[in-house]
PDB file of N, CA and C in Angstrom:
ATOM      1  N   MET A   1     -33.826 124.437  13.958  1.00  0.00           N
ATOM      2  CA  MET A   1     -34.279 123.063  14.072  1.00  0.00           C
ATOM      3  C   MET A   1     -33.569 122.415  15.265  1.00  0.00           C
ATOM      4  N   CYS A   2     -34.322 121.683  16.082  1.00  0.00           N
ATOM      5  CA  CYS A   2     -33.737 121.093  17.286  1.00  0.00           C
ATOM      6  C   CYS A   2     -32.926 119.840  16.949  1.00  0.00           C
ATOM      7  N   LEU A   3     -32.133 119.410  17.909  1.00  0.00           N
ATOM      8  CA  LEU A   3     -31.266 118.243  17.748  1.00  0.00           C
ATOM      9  C   LEU A   3     -32.053 117.002  17.331  1.00  0.00           C
ATOM     10  N   PHE A   4     -33.181 116.736  17.994  1.00  0.00           N
ATOM     11  CA  PHE A   4     -33.936 115.524  17.680  1.00  0.00           C
ATOM     12  C   PHE A   4     -34.616 115.617  16.314  1.00  0.00           C
ATOM     13  N   CYS A   5     -35.019 116.812  15.905  1.00  0.00           N
ATOM     14  CA  CYS A   5     -35.569 116.974  14.546  1.00  0.00           C
ATOM     15  C   CYS A   5     -34.499 116.661  13.505  1.00  0.00           C
ATOM     16  N   LYS A   6     -33.244 117.033  13.801  1.00  0.00           N
ATOM     17  CA  LYS A   6     -32.145 116.709  12.889  1.00  0.00           C
ATOM     18  C   LYS A   6     -31.903 115.208  12.838  1.00  0.00           C
ATOM     19  N   ILE A   7     -32.093 114.518  13.947  1.00  0.00           N
ATOM     20  CA  ILE A   7     -31.967 113.049  13.957  1.00  0.00           C
ATOM     21  C   ILE A   7     -33.100 112.437  13.132  1.00  0.00           C
ATOM     22  N   VAL A   8     -34.316 112.940  13.304  1.00  0.00           N
ATOM     23  CA  VAL A   8     -35.459 112.463  12.520  1.00  0.00           C
ATOM     24  C   VAL A   8     -35.185 112.640  11.033  1.00  0.00           C
ATOM     25  N   ASN A   9     -34.611 113.782  10.645  1.00  0.00           N
ATOM     26  CA  ASN A   9     -34.334 114.082   9.241  1.00  0.00           C
ATOM     27  C   ASN A   9     -33.056 113.420   8.724  1.00  0.00           C
ATOM     28  N   LYS A  10     -32.405 112.622   9.584  1.00  0.00           N
ATOM     29  CA  LYS A  10     -31.172 111.893   9.235  1.00  0.00           C
ATOM     30  C   LYS A  10     -30.008 112.831   8.923  1.00  0.00           C
ATOM     31  N   GLU A  11     -30.060 114.052   9.489  1.00  0.00           N
ATOM     32  CA  GLU A  11     -28.952 114.987   9.359  1.00  0.00           C
ATOM     33  C   GLU A  11     -27.861 114.680  10.390  1.00  0.00           C
ATOM     34  N   ILE A  12     -28.248 114.017  11.458  1.00  0.00           N
ATOM     35  CA  ILE A  12     -27.324 113.579  12.497  1.00  0.00           C
ATOM     36  C   ILE A  12     -27.513 112.075  12.644  1.00  0.00           C
ATOM     37  N   PRO A  13     -26.431 111.294  12.636  1.00  0.00           N
ATOM     38  CA  PRO A  13     -26.590 109.835  12.750  1.00  0.00           C
ATOM     39  C   PRO A  13     -27.041 109.424  14.151  1.00  0.00           C
ATOM     40  N   SER A  14     -27.738 108.317  14.207  1.00  0.00           N
ATOM     41  CA  SER A  14     -28.155 107.749  15.484  1.00  0.00           C
ATOM     42  C   SER A  14     -28.233 106.241  15.342  1.00  0.00           C
ATOM     43  N   ASN A  15     -28.222 105.561  16.477  1.00  0.00           N
ATOM     44  CA  ASN A  15     -28.338 104.111  16.503  1.00  0.00           C
ATOM     45  C   ASN A  15     -29.817 103.775  16.684  1.00  0.00           C
ATOM     46  N   ILE A  16     -30.522 103.664  15.579  1.00  0.00           N
ATOM     47  CA  ILE A  16     -31.972 103.463  15.595  1.00  0.00           C
ATOM     48  C   ILE A  16     -32.299 102.023  15.973  1.00  0.00           C
ATOM     49  N   GLU A  17     -33.211 101.890  16.926  1.00  0.00           N
ATOM     50  CA  GLU A  17     -33.701 100.575  17.348  1.00  0.00           C
ATOM     51  C   GLU A  17     -34.998 100.227  16.641  1.00  0.00           C
ATOM     52  N   MET A  18     -35.874 101.233  16.474  1.00  0.00           N
ATOM     53  CA  MET A  18     -37.171 100.992  15.841  1.00  0.00           C
ATOM     54  C   MET A  18     -37.705 102.318  15.303  1.00  0.00           C
ATOM     55  N   GLU A  19     -38.495 102.210  14.242  1.00  0.00           N
ATOM     56  CA  GLU A  19     -39.029 103.412  13.608  1.00  0.00           C
ATOM     57  C   GLU A  19     -40.312 103.078  12.888  1.00  0.00           C
ATOM     58  N   ASN A  20     -41.262 104.011  12.904  1.00  0.00           N
ATOM     59  CA  ASN A  20     -42.423 103.919  12.038  1.00  0.00           C
ATOM     60  C   ASN A  20     -42.682 105.314  11.473  1.00  0.00           C
ATOM     61  N   GLU A  21     -43.825 105.528  10.861  1.00  0.00           N
ATOM     62  CA  GLU A  21     -44.044 106.822  10.214  1.00  0.00           C
ATOM     63  C   GLU A  21     -44.181 107.986  11.194  1.00  0.00           C
ATOM     64  N   ASN A  22     -44.514 107.698  12.466  1.00  0.00           N
ATOM     65  CA  ASN A  22     -44.743 108.775  13.429  1.00  0.00           C
ATOM     66  C   ASN A  22     -43.731 108.875  14.563  1.00  0.00           C
ATOM     67  N   PHE A  23     -42.992 107.795  14.826  1.00  0.00           N
ATOM     68  CA  PHE A  23     -42.112 107.768  15.996  1.00  0.00           C
ATOM     69  C   PHE A  23     -40.756 107.153  15.670  1.00  0.00           C
ATOM     70  N   LEU A  24     -39.786 107.481  16.516  1.00  0.00           N
ATOM     71  CA  LEU A  24     -38.422 106.991  16.354  1.00  0.00           C
ATOM     72  C   LEU A  24     -37.891 106.589  17.724  1.00  0.00           C
ATOM     73  N   ALA A  25     -37.232 105.440  17.782  1.00  0.00           N
ATOM     74  CA  ALA A  25     -36.576 104.975  19.012  1.00  0.00           C
ATOM     75  C   ALA A  25     -35.107 104.751  18.687  1.00  0.00           C
ATOM     76  N   PHE A  26     -34.235 105.396  19.467  1.00  0.00           N
ATOM     77  CA  PHE A  26     -32.800 105.267  19.222  1.00  0.00           C
ATOM     78  C   PHE A  26     -32.057 105.254  20.548  1.00  0.00           C
ATOM     79  N   HIS A  27     -30.853 104.691  20.528  1.00  0.00           N
ATOM     80  CA  HIS A  27     -30.060 104.549  21.744  1.00  0.00           C
ATOM     81  C   HIS A  27     -29.491 105.896  22.177  1.00  0.00           C
ATOM     82  N   ASP A  28     -29.566 106.153  23.500  1.00  0.00           N
ATOM     83  CA  ASP A  28     -29.017 107.373  24.084  1.00  0.00           C
ATOM     84  C   ASP A  28     -27.493 107.329  23.954  1.00  0.00           C
ATOM     85  N   ILE A  29     -26.879 108.456  23.622  1.00  0.00           N
ATOM     86  CA  ILE A  29     -25.411 108.492  23.473  1.00  0.00           C
ATOM     87  C   ILE A  29     -24.696 108.511  24.816  1.00  0.00           C
ATOM     88  N   ASN A  30     -25.436 108.749  25.907  1.00  0.00           N
ATOM     89  CA  ASN A  30     -24.864 108.751  27.248  1.00  0.00           C
ATOM     90  C   ASN A  30     -25.721 107.850  28.147  1.00  0.00           C
ATOM     91  N   PRO A  31     -25.689 106.529  27.901  1.00  0.00           N
ATOM     92  CA  PRO A  31     -26.610 105.621  28.600  1.00  0.00           C
ATOM     93  C   PRO A  31     -26.375 105.567  30.107  1.00  0.00           C
ATOM     94  N   LYS A  32     -27.484 105.431  30.832  1.00  0.00           N
ATOM     95  CA  LYS A  32     -27.457 105.324  32.287  1.00  0.00           C
ATOM     96  C   LYS A  32     -27.756 103.897  32.757  1.00  0.00           C
ATOM     97  N   ALA A  33     -27.970 102.991  31.822  1.00  0.00           N
ATOM     98  CA  ALA A  33     -28.270 101.586  32.123  1.00  0.00           C
ATOM     99  C   ALA A  33     -27.880 100.764  30.898  1.00  0.00           C
ATOM    100  N   PRO A  34     -27.845  99.436  31.040  1.00  0.00           N
ATOM    101  CA  PRO A  34     -27.502  98.608  29.872  1.00  0.00           C
ATOM    102  C   PRO A  34     -28.386  98.883  28.657  1.00  0.00           C
ATOM    103  N   ILE A  35     -29.653  99.184  28.893  1.00  0.00           N
ATOM    104  CA  ILE A  35     -30.554  99.593  27.810  1.00  0.00           C
ATOM    105  C   ILE A  35     -31.049 100.988  28.149  1.00  0.00           C
ATOM    106  N   HIS A  36     -30.780 101.925  27.253  1.00  0.00           N
ATOM    107  CA  HIS A  36     -31.228 103.308  27.438  1.00  0.00           C
ATOM    108  C   HIS A  36     -31.585 103.848  26.055  1.00  0.00           C
ATOM    109  N   ILE A  37     -32.868 103.834  25.778  1.00  0.00           N
ATOM    110  CA  ILE A  37     -33.383 104.227  24.469  1.00  0.00           C
ATOM    111  C   ILE A  37     -34.241 105.471  24.620  1.00  0.00           C
ATOM    112  N   LEU A  38     -34.130 106.376  23.665  1.00  0.00           N
ATOM    113  CA  LEU A  38     -34.988 107.555  23.614  1.00  0.00           C
ATOM    114  C   LEU A  38     -36.090 107.308  22.595  1.00  0.00           C
ATOM    115  N   VAL A  39     -37.312 107.617  22.951  1.00  0.00           N
ATOM    116  CA  VAL A  39     -38.452 107.488  22.046  1.00  0.00           C
ATOM    117  C   VAL A  39     -39.026 108.880  21.838  1.00  0.00           C
ATOM    118  N   ILE A  40     -39.138 109.269  20.563  1.00  0.00           N
ATOM    119  CA  ILE A  40     -39.609 110.616  20.231  1.00  0.00           C
ATOM    120  C   ILE A  40     -40.679 110.561  19.138  1.00  0.00           C
ATOM    121  N   PRO A  41     -41.573 111.561  19.152  1.00  0.00           N
ATOM    122  CA  PRO A  41     -42.441 111.710  17.978  1.00  0.00           C
ATOM    123  C   PRO A  41     -41.621 112.362  16.868  1.00  0.00           C
ATOM    124  N   LYS A  42     -41.879 111.973  15.642  1.00  0.00           N
ATOM    125  CA  LYS A  42     -41.155 112.594  14.525  1.00  0.00           C
ATOM    126  C   LYS A  42     -41.592 114.041  14.322  1.00  0.00           C
ATOM    127  N   LYS A  43     -42.835 114.320  14.596  1.00  0.00           N
ATOM    128  CA  LYS A  43     -43.333 115.702  14.521  1.00  0.00           C
ATOM    129  C   LYS A  43     -42.888 116.411  15.800  1.00  0.00           C
ATOM    130  N   HIS A  44     -42.323 117.600  15.668  1.00  0.00           N
ATOM    131  CA  HIS A  44     -41.809 118.320  16.824  1.00  0.00           C
ATOM    132  C   HIS A  44     -42.922 118.688  17.801  1.00  0.00           C
ATOM    133  N   VAL A  45     -42.717 118.300  19.050  1.00  0.00           N
ATOM    134  CA  VAL A  45     -43.549 118.701  20.190  1.00  0.00           C
ATOM    135  C   VAL A  45     -42.547 119.094  21.268  1.00  0.00           C
ATOM    136  N   ASP A  46     -42.674 120.284  21.841  1.00  0.00           N
ATOM    137  CA  ASP A  46     -41.673 120.768  22.801  1.00  0.00           C
ATOM    138  C   ASP A  46     -41.517 119.862  24.016  1.00  0.00           C
ATOM    139  N   SER A  47     -42.627 119.458  24.641  1.00  0.00           N
ATOM    140  CA  SER A  47     -42.546 118.650  25.856  1.00  0.00           C
ATOM    141  C   SER A  47     -43.883 117.968  26.109  1.00  0.00           C
ATOM    142  N   PHE A  48     -43.932 117.218  27.197  1.00  0.00           N
ATOM    143  CA  PHE A  48     -45.165 116.543  27.593  1.00  0.00           C
ATOM    144  C   PHE A  48     -46.305 117.544  27.798  1.00  0.00           C
ATOM    145  N   ASN A  49     -45.987 118.763  28.182  1.00  0.00           N
ATOM    146  CA  ASN A  49     -47.013 119.784  28.388  1.00  0.00           C
ATOM    147  C   ASN A  49     -47.790 120.112  27.122  1.00  0.00           C
ATOM    148  N   GLU A  50     -47.201 119.898  25.968  1.00  0.00           N
ATOM    149  CA  GLU A  50     -47.836 120.276  24.701  1.00  0.00           C
ATOM    150  C   GLU A  50     -48.356 119.084  23.891  1.00  0.00           C
ATOM    151  N   VAL A  51     -48.122 117.869  24.331  1.00  0.00           N
ATOM    152  CA  VAL A  51     -48.493 116.709  23.519  1.00  0.00           C
ATOM    153  C   VAL A  51     -50.008 116.468  23.569  1.00  0.00           C
ATOM    154  N   SER A  52     -50.552 116.063  22.430  1.00  0.00           N
ATOM    155  CA  SER A  52     -51.986 115.768  22.366  1.00  0.00           C
ATOM    156  C   SER A  52     -52.255 114.370  22.921  1.00  0.00           C
ATOM    157  N   PRO A  53     -53.448 114.152  23.446  1.00  0.00           N
ATOM    158  CA  PRO A  53     -53.804 112.806  23.918  1.00  0.00           C
ATOM    159  C   PRO A  53     -53.717 111.755  22.802  1.00  0.00           C
ATOM    160  N   GLU A  54     -54.029 112.156  21.588  1.00  0.00           N
ATOM    161  CA  GLU A  54     -53.975 111.217  20.465  1.00  0.00           C
ATOM    162  C   GLU A  54     -52.539 110.772  20.188  1.00  0.00           C
ATOM    163  N   THR A  55     -51.606 111.726  20.218  1.00  0.00           N
ATOM    164  CA  THR A  55     -50.197 111.378  20.003  1.00  0.00           C
ATOM    165  C   THR A  55     -49.703 110.482  21.134  1.00  0.00           C
ATOM    166  N   MET A  56     -50.084 110.796  22.384  1.00  0.00           N
ATOM    167  CA  MET A  56     -49.646 109.965  23.515  1.00  0.00           C
ATOM    168  C   MET A  56     -50.200 108.557  23.398  1.00  0.00           C
ATOM    169  N   ALA A  57     -51.422 108.418  22.932  1.00  0.00           N
ATOM    170  CA  ALA A  57     -52.008 107.082  22.779  1.00  0.00           C
ATOM    171  C   ALA A  57     -51.203 106.258  21.767  1.00  0.00           C
ATOM    172  N   GLU A  58     -50.864 106.869  20.643  1.00  0.00           N
ATOM    173  CA  GLU A  58     -50.054 106.174  19.635  1.00  0.00           C
ATOM    174  C   GLU A  58     -48.651 105.895  20.155  1.00  0.00           C
ATOM    175  N   MET A  59     -48.099 106.854  20.892  1.00  0.00           N
ATOM    176  CA  MET A  59     -46.741 106.705  21.418  1.00  0.00           C
ATOM    177  C   MET A  59     -46.680 105.585  22.458  1.00  0.00           C
ATOM    178  N   THR A  60     -47.751 105.429  23.237  1.00  0.00           N
ATOM    179  CA  THR A  60     -47.814 104.349  24.223  1.00  0.00           C
ATOM    180  C   THR A  60     -47.664 102.997  23.543  1.00  0.00           C
ATOM    181  N   THR A  61     -48.400 102.780  22.482  1.00  0.00           N
ATOM    182  CA  THR A  61     -48.306 101.519  21.735  1.00  0.00           C
ATOM    183  C   THR A  61     -46.901 101.329  21.185  1.00  0.00           C
ATOM    184  N   PHE A  62     -46.318 102.385  20.650  1.00  0.00           N
ATOM    185  CA  PHE A  62     -44.960 102.310  20.096  1.00  0.00           C
ATOM    186  C   PHE A  62     -43.955 101.939  21.184  1.00  0.00           C
ATOM    187  N   ILE A  63     -44.045 102.574  22.345  1.00  0.00           N
ATOM    188  CA  ILE A  63     -43.120 102.269  23.444  1.00  0.00           C
ATOM    189  C   ILE A  63     -43.281 100.814  23.881  1.00  0.00           C
ATOM    190  N   GLN A  64     -44.503 100.331  23.951  1.00  0.00           N
ATOM    191  CA  GLN A  64     -44.731  98.930  24.326  1.00  0.00           C
ATOM    192  C   GLN A  64     -44.086  97.982  23.315  1.00  0.00           C
ATOM    193  N   GLU A  65     -44.108  98.331  22.057  1.00  0.00           N
ATOM    194  CA  GLU A  65     -43.445  97.515  21.032  1.00  0.00           C
ATOM    195  C   GLU A  65     -41.928  97.580  21.182  1.00  0.00           C
ATOM    196  N   VAL A  66     -41.393  98.749  21.524  1.00  0.00           N
ATOM    197  CA  VAL A  66     -39.949  98.903  21.716  1.00  0.00           C
ATOM    198  C   VAL A  66     -39.457  98.034  22.869  1.00  0.00           C
ATOM    199  N   VAL A  67     -40.151  98.087  24.021  1.00  0.00           N
ATOM    200  CA  VAL A  67     -39.682  97.309  25.174  1.00  0.00           C
ATOM    201  C   VAL A  67     -39.768  95.810  24.909  1.00  0.00           C
ATOM    202  N   ALA A  68     -40.745  95.385  24.125  1.00  0.00           N
ATOM    203  CA  ALA A  68     -40.817  93.971  23.744  1.00  0.00           C
ATOM    204  C   ALA A  68     -39.653  93.620  22.818  1.00  0.00           C
ATOM    205  N   LEU A  69     -39.368  94.481  21.864  1.00  0.00           N
ATOM    206  CA  LEU A  69     -38.283  94.243  20.911  1.00  0.00           C
ATOM    207  C   LEU A  69     -36.930  94.109  21.588  1.00  0.00           C
ATOM    208  N   VAL A  70     -36.656  94.967  22.577  1.00  0.00           N
ATOM    209  CA  VAL A  70     -35.341  94.941  23.228  1.00  0.00           C
ATOM    210  C   VAL A  70     -35.286  93.980  24.418  1.00  0.00           C
ATOM    211  N   GLY A  71     -36.389  93.295  24.695  1.00  0.00           N
ATOM    212  CA  GLY A  71     -36.384  92.223  25.679  1.00  0.00           C
ATOM    213  C   GLY A  71     -36.500  92.633  27.133  1.00  0.00           C
ATOM    214  N   ILE A  72     -37.116  93.785  27.414  1.00  0.00           N
ATOM    215  CA  ILE A  72     -37.247  94.201  28.816  1.00  0.00           C
ATOM    216  C   ILE A  72     -38.712  94.299  29.267  1.00  0.00           C
ATOM    217  N   LYS A  73     -39.624  93.855  28.437  1.00  0.00           N
ATOM    218  CA  LYS A  73     -41.045  93.949  28.772  1.00  0.00           C
ATOM    219  C   LYS A  73     -41.361  93.197  30.063  1.00  0.00           C
ATOM    220  N   GLU A  74     -40.829  92.007  30.212  1.00  0.00           N
ATOM    221  CA  GLU A  74     -41.134  91.183  31.383  1.00  0.00           C
ATOM    222  C   GLU A  74     -40.244  91.499  32.580  1.00  0.00           C
ATOM    223  N   SER A  75     -38.977  91.808  32.339  1.00  0.00           N
ATOM    224  CA  SER A  75     -38.045  92.039  33.451  1.00  0.00           C
ATOM    225  C   SER A  75     -38.245  93.400  34.103  1.00  0.00           C
ATOM    226  N   GLY A  76     -38.779  94.361  33.351  1.00  0.00           N
ATOM    227  CA  GLY A  76     -39.059  95.676  33.903  1.00  0.00           C
ATOM    228  C   GLY A  76     -38.173  96.758  33.339  1.00  0.00           C
ATOM    229  N   TYR A  77     -38.659  97.976  33.432  1.00  0.00           N
ATOM    230  CA  TYR A  77     -37.969  99.138  32.878  1.00  0.00           C
ATOM    231  C   TYR A  77     -38.547 100.388  33.513  1.00  0.00           C
ATOM    232  N   ARG A  78     -37.918 101.494  33.252  1.00  0.00           N
ATOM    233  CA  ARG A  78     -38.381 102.789  33.741  1.00  0.00           C
ATOM    234  C   ARG A  78     -38.620 103.703  32.552  1.00  0.00           C
ATOM    235  N   LEU A  79     -39.715 104.467  32.598  1.00  0.00           N
ATOM    236  CA  LEU A  79     -40.015 105.490  31.592  1.00  0.00           C
ATOM    237  C   LEU A  79     -39.878 106.847  32.261  1.00  0.00           C
ATOM    238  N   ILE A  80     -39.122 107.726  31.626  1.00  0.00           N
ATOM    239  CA  ILE A  80     -38.896 109.055  32.187  1.00  0.00           C
ATOM    240  C   ILE A  80     -39.048 110.090  31.083  1.00  0.00           C
ATOM    241  N   SER A  81     -39.831 111.122  31.370  1.00  0.00           N
ATOM    242  CA  SER A  81     -39.899 112.266  30.468  1.00  0.00           C
ATOM    243  C   SER A  81     -39.659 113.510  31.303  1.00  0.00           C
ATOM    244  N   ASN A  82     -38.526 114.142  31.101  1.00  0.00           N
ATOM    245  CA  ASN A  82     -38.196 115.368  31.806  1.00  0.00           C
ATOM    246  C   ASN A  82     -38.921 116.529  31.131  1.00  0.00           C
ATOM    247  N   VAL A  83     -39.478 117.431  31.940  1.00  0.00           N
ATOM    248  CA  VAL A  83     -40.236 118.557  31.400  1.00  0.00           C
ATOM    249  C   VAL A  83     -39.690 119.858  31.983  1.00  0.00           C
ATOM    250  N   GLY A  84     -39.217 120.731  31.104  1.00  0.00           N
ATOM    251  CA  GLY A  84     -38.747 122.052  31.518  1.00  0.00           C
ATOM    252  C   GLY A  84     -37.397 122.036  32.199  1.00  0.00           C
ATOM    253  N   HIS A  85     -36.905 123.223  32.455  1.00  0.00           N
ATOM    254  CA  HIS A  85     -35.572 123.399  33.024  1.00  0.00           C
ATOM    255  C   HIS A  85     -35.416 122.703  34.376  1.00  0.00           C
ATOM    256  N   ASN A  86     -36.336 122.948  35.296  1.00  0.00           N
ATOM    257  CA  ASN A  86     -36.226 122.333  36.618  1.00  0.00           C
ATOM    258  C   ASN A  86     -36.467 120.830  36.583  1.00  0.00           C
ATOM    259  N   GLY A  87     -37.130 120.352  35.559  1.00  0.00           N
ATOM    260  CA  GLY A  87     -37.345 118.915  35.403  1.00  0.00           C
ATOM    261  C   GLY A  87     -36.176 118.207  34.756  1.00  0.00           C
ATOM    262  N   GLY A  88     -35.185 118.970  34.322  1.00  0.00           N
ATOM    263  CA  GLY A  88     -33.990 118.375  33.726  1.00  0.00           C
ATOM    264  C   GLY A  88     -34.060 118.171  32.224  1.00  0.00           C
ATOM    265  N   GLN A  89     -35.031 118.775  31.550  1.00  0.00           N
ATOM    266  CA  GLN A  89     -35.137 118.618  30.104  1.00  0.00           C
ATOM    267  C   GLN A  89     -34.002 119.374  29.426  1.00  0.00           C
ATOM    268  N   GLU A  90     -33.187 118.655  28.664  1.00  0.00           N
ATOM    269  CA  GLU A  90     -32.038 119.259  27.984  1.00  0.00           C
ATOM    270  C   GLU A  90     -32.307 119.527  26.512  1.00  0.00           C
ATOM    271  N   VAL A  91     -33.200 118.764  25.897  1.00  0.00           N
ATOM    272  CA  VAL A  91     -33.573 118.967  24.493  1.00  0.00           C
ATOM    273  C   VAL A  91     -35.069 119.259  24.476  1.00  0.00           C
ATOM    274  N   ASN A  92     -35.436 120.408  23.935  1.00  0.00           N
ATOM    275  CA  ASN A  92     -36.845 120.797  23.886  1.00  0.00           C
ATOM    276  C   ASN A  92     -37.566 120.119  22.736  1.00  0.00           C
ATOM    277  N   HIS A  93     -37.707 118.819  22.878  1.00  0.00           N
ATOM    278  CA  HIS A  93     -38.467 117.972  21.957  1.00  0.00           C
ATOM    279  C   HIS A  93     -38.920 116.812  22.830  1.00  0.00           C
ATOM    280  N   LEU A  94     -40.222 116.585  22.896  1.00  0.00           N
ATOM    281  CA  LEU A  94     -40.744 115.512  23.738  1.00  0.00           C
ATOM    282  C   LEU A  94     -39.966 114.231  23.518  1.00  0.00           C
ATOM    283  N   HIS A  95     -39.491 113.638  24.596  1.00  0.00           N
ATOM    284  CA  HIS A  95     -38.827 112.350  24.497  1.00  0.00           C
ATOM    285  C   HIS A  95     -38.987 111.577  25.793  1.00  0.00           C
ATOM    286  N   TRP A  96     -39.079 110.281  25.626  1.00  0.00           N
ATOM    287  CA  TRP A  96     -39.160 109.355  26.745  1.00  0.00           C
ATOM    288  C   TRP A  96     -37.871 108.575  26.808  1.00  0.00           C
ATOM    289  N   HIS A  97     -37.290 108.511  27.993  1.00  0.00           N
ATOM    290  CA  HIS A  97     -36.145 107.646  28.246  1.00  0.00           C
ATOM    291  C   HIS A  97     -36.719 106.287  28.640  1.00  0.00           C
ATOM    292  N   VAL A  98     -36.344 105.244  27.925  1.00  0.00           N
ATOM    293  CA  VAL A  98     -36.708 103.873  28.263  1.00  0.00           C
ATOM    294  C   VAL A  98     -35.436 103.243  28.804  1.00  0.00           C
ATOM    295  N   VAL A  99     -35.429 102.971  30.103  1.00  0.00           N
ATOM    296  CA  VAL A  99     -34.210 102.547  30.782  1.00  0.00           C
ATOM    297  C   VAL A  99     -34.449 101.194  31.430  1.00  0.00           C
ATOM    298  N   GLY A 100     -33.559 100.238  31.165  1.00  0.00           N
ATOM    299  CA  GLY A 100     -33.713  98.909  31.762  1.00  0.00           C
ATOM    300  C   GLY A 100     -32.514  98.033  31.480  1.00  0.00           C
ATOM    301  N   GLY A 101     -32.736  96.745  31.576  1.00  0.00           N
ATOM    302  CA  GLY A 101     -31.667  95.793  31.320  1.00  0.00           C
ATOM    303  C   GLY A 101     -30.892  95.402  32.562  1.00  0.00           C
ATOM    304  N   ALA A 102     -31.268  95.953  33.718  1.00  0.00           N
ATOM    305  CA  ALA A 102     -30.630  95.639  34.999  1.00  0.00           C
ATOM    306  C   ALA A 102     -31.555  96.131  36.104  1.00  0.00           C
ATOM    307  N   LYS A 103     -31.302  95.683  37.326  1.00  0.00           N
ATOM    308  CA  LYS A 103     -32.058  96.181  38.481  1.00  0.00           C
ATOM    309  C   LYS A 103     -31.690  97.658  38.670  1.00  0.00           C
ATOM    310  N   LEU A 104     -32.687  98.529  38.602  1.00  0.00           N
ATOM    311  CA  LEU A 104     -32.451  99.961  38.668  1.00  0.00           C
ATOM    312  C   LEU A 104     -32.567 100.465  40.101  1.00  0.00           C
ATOM    313  N   THR A 105     -31.649 101.316  40.491  1.00  0.00           N
ATOM    314  CA  THR A 105     -31.725 101.971  41.796  1.00  0.00           C
ATOM    315  C   THR A 105     -32.475 103.282  41.625  1.00  0.00           C
ATOM    316  N   PHE A 106     -32.746 103.946  42.715  1.00  0.00           N
ATOM    317  CA  PHE A 106     -33.442 105.215  42.653  1.00  0.00           C
ATOM    318  C   PHE A 106     -32.628 106.243  43.424  1.00  0.00           C
ATOM    319  N   PRO A 107     -31.605 106.831  42.767  1.00  0.00           N
ATOM    320  CA  PRO A 107     -30.766 107.822  43.444  1.00  0.00           C
ATOM    321  C   PRO A 107     -31.572 109.084  43.761  1.00  0.00           C
ATOM    322  N   HIS A 108     -30.979 109.941  44.549  1.00  0.00           N
ATOM    323  CA  HIS A 108     -31.670 111.174  44.941  1.00  0.00           C
ATOM    324  C   HIS A 108     -32.123 111.959  43.712  1.00  0.00           C
ATOM    325  N   LEU A 109     -33.207 112.672  43.869  1.00  0.00           N
ATOM    326  CA  LEU A 109     -33.760 113.439  42.755  1.00  0.00           C
ATOM    327  C   LEU A 109     -33.223 114.860  42.698  1.00  0.00           C
ATOM    328  N   VAL A 110     -32.913 115.431  43.835  1.00  0.00           N
ATOM    329  CA  VAL A 110     -32.416 116.802  43.853  1.00  0.00           C
ATOM    330  C   VAL A 110     -31.224 116.902  44.779  1.00  0.00           C
ATOM    331  N   ASP A 111     -30.384 117.875  44.532  1.00  0.00           N
ATOM    332  CA  ASP A 111     -29.254 118.130  45.412  1.00  0.00           C
ATOM    333  C   ASP A 111     -29.667 118.965  46.621  1.00  0.00           C
ATOM    334  N   ALA A 112     -30.810 119.666  46.489  1.00  0.00           N
ATOM    335  CA  ALA A 112     -31.272 120.532  47.572  1.00  0.00           C
ATOM    336  C   ALA A 112     -31.892 119.704  48.697  1.00  0.00           C
ATOM    337  N   ASN A 113     -31.900 120.255  49.900  1.00  0.00           N
ATOM    338  CA  ASN A 113     -32.548 119.632  51.045  1.00  0.00           C
ATOM    339  C   ASN A 113     -34.046 119.920  50.959  1.00  0.00           C
ATOM    340  N   PRO A 114     -34.895 118.903  50.825  1.00  0.00           N
ATOM    341  CA  PRO A 114     -36.346 119.144  50.707  1.00  0.00           C
ATOM    342  C   PRO A 114     -36.920 119.953  51.865  1.00  0.00           C
ATOM    343  N   GLN A 115     -36.324 119.849  53.053  1.00  0.00           N
ATOM    344  CA  GLN A 115     -36.813 120.599  54.211  1.00  0.00           C
ATOM    345  C   GLN A 115     -36.687 122.102  54.007  1.00  0.00           C
ATOM    346  N   ASP A 116     -35.805 122.523  53.117  1.00  0.00           N
ATOM    347  CA  ASP A 116     -35.628 123.951  52.858  1.00  0.00           C
ATOM    348  C   ASP A 116     -36.850 124.569  52.166  1.00  0.00           C
ATOM    349  N   PHE A 117     -37.741 123.719  51.658  1.00  0.00           N
ATOM    350  CA  PHE A 117     -38.896 124.213  50.905  1.00  0.00           C
ATOM    351  C   PHE A 117     -40.170 124.256  51.736  1.00  0.00           C
ATOM    352  N   PHE A 118     -40.084 123.842  53.006  1.00  0.00           N
ATOM    353  CA  PHE A 118     -41.277 123.830  53.872  1.00  0.00           C
ATOM    354  C   PHE A 118     -41.204 124.907  54.919  1.00  0.00           C
TER     355      PHE A 118
END
């Protein structure tokens, strides 16, 4: 069972911000901004590559409710879903990082020189 499934099953504690029967939003333990929440489906899905359009539609509404609840709907936020090893995915369970609460910068994406790939 993956780490996020254990959080869903309440085997591992988390700081839950919002929850319904299908989704869970909780604070990241290593925040990168004043607000850094992870949003996951309760049913295990490995990554964005495997998610159904129906689940994404429901998850979109849930994320919109989360950003309104935490007060960043109007000021702005970033949504990030890492996919696979090269995409930086560390937990193989679909999750969205909801990051906001301050003006966000856009640091470099890779350590490699992009010119090396052309």
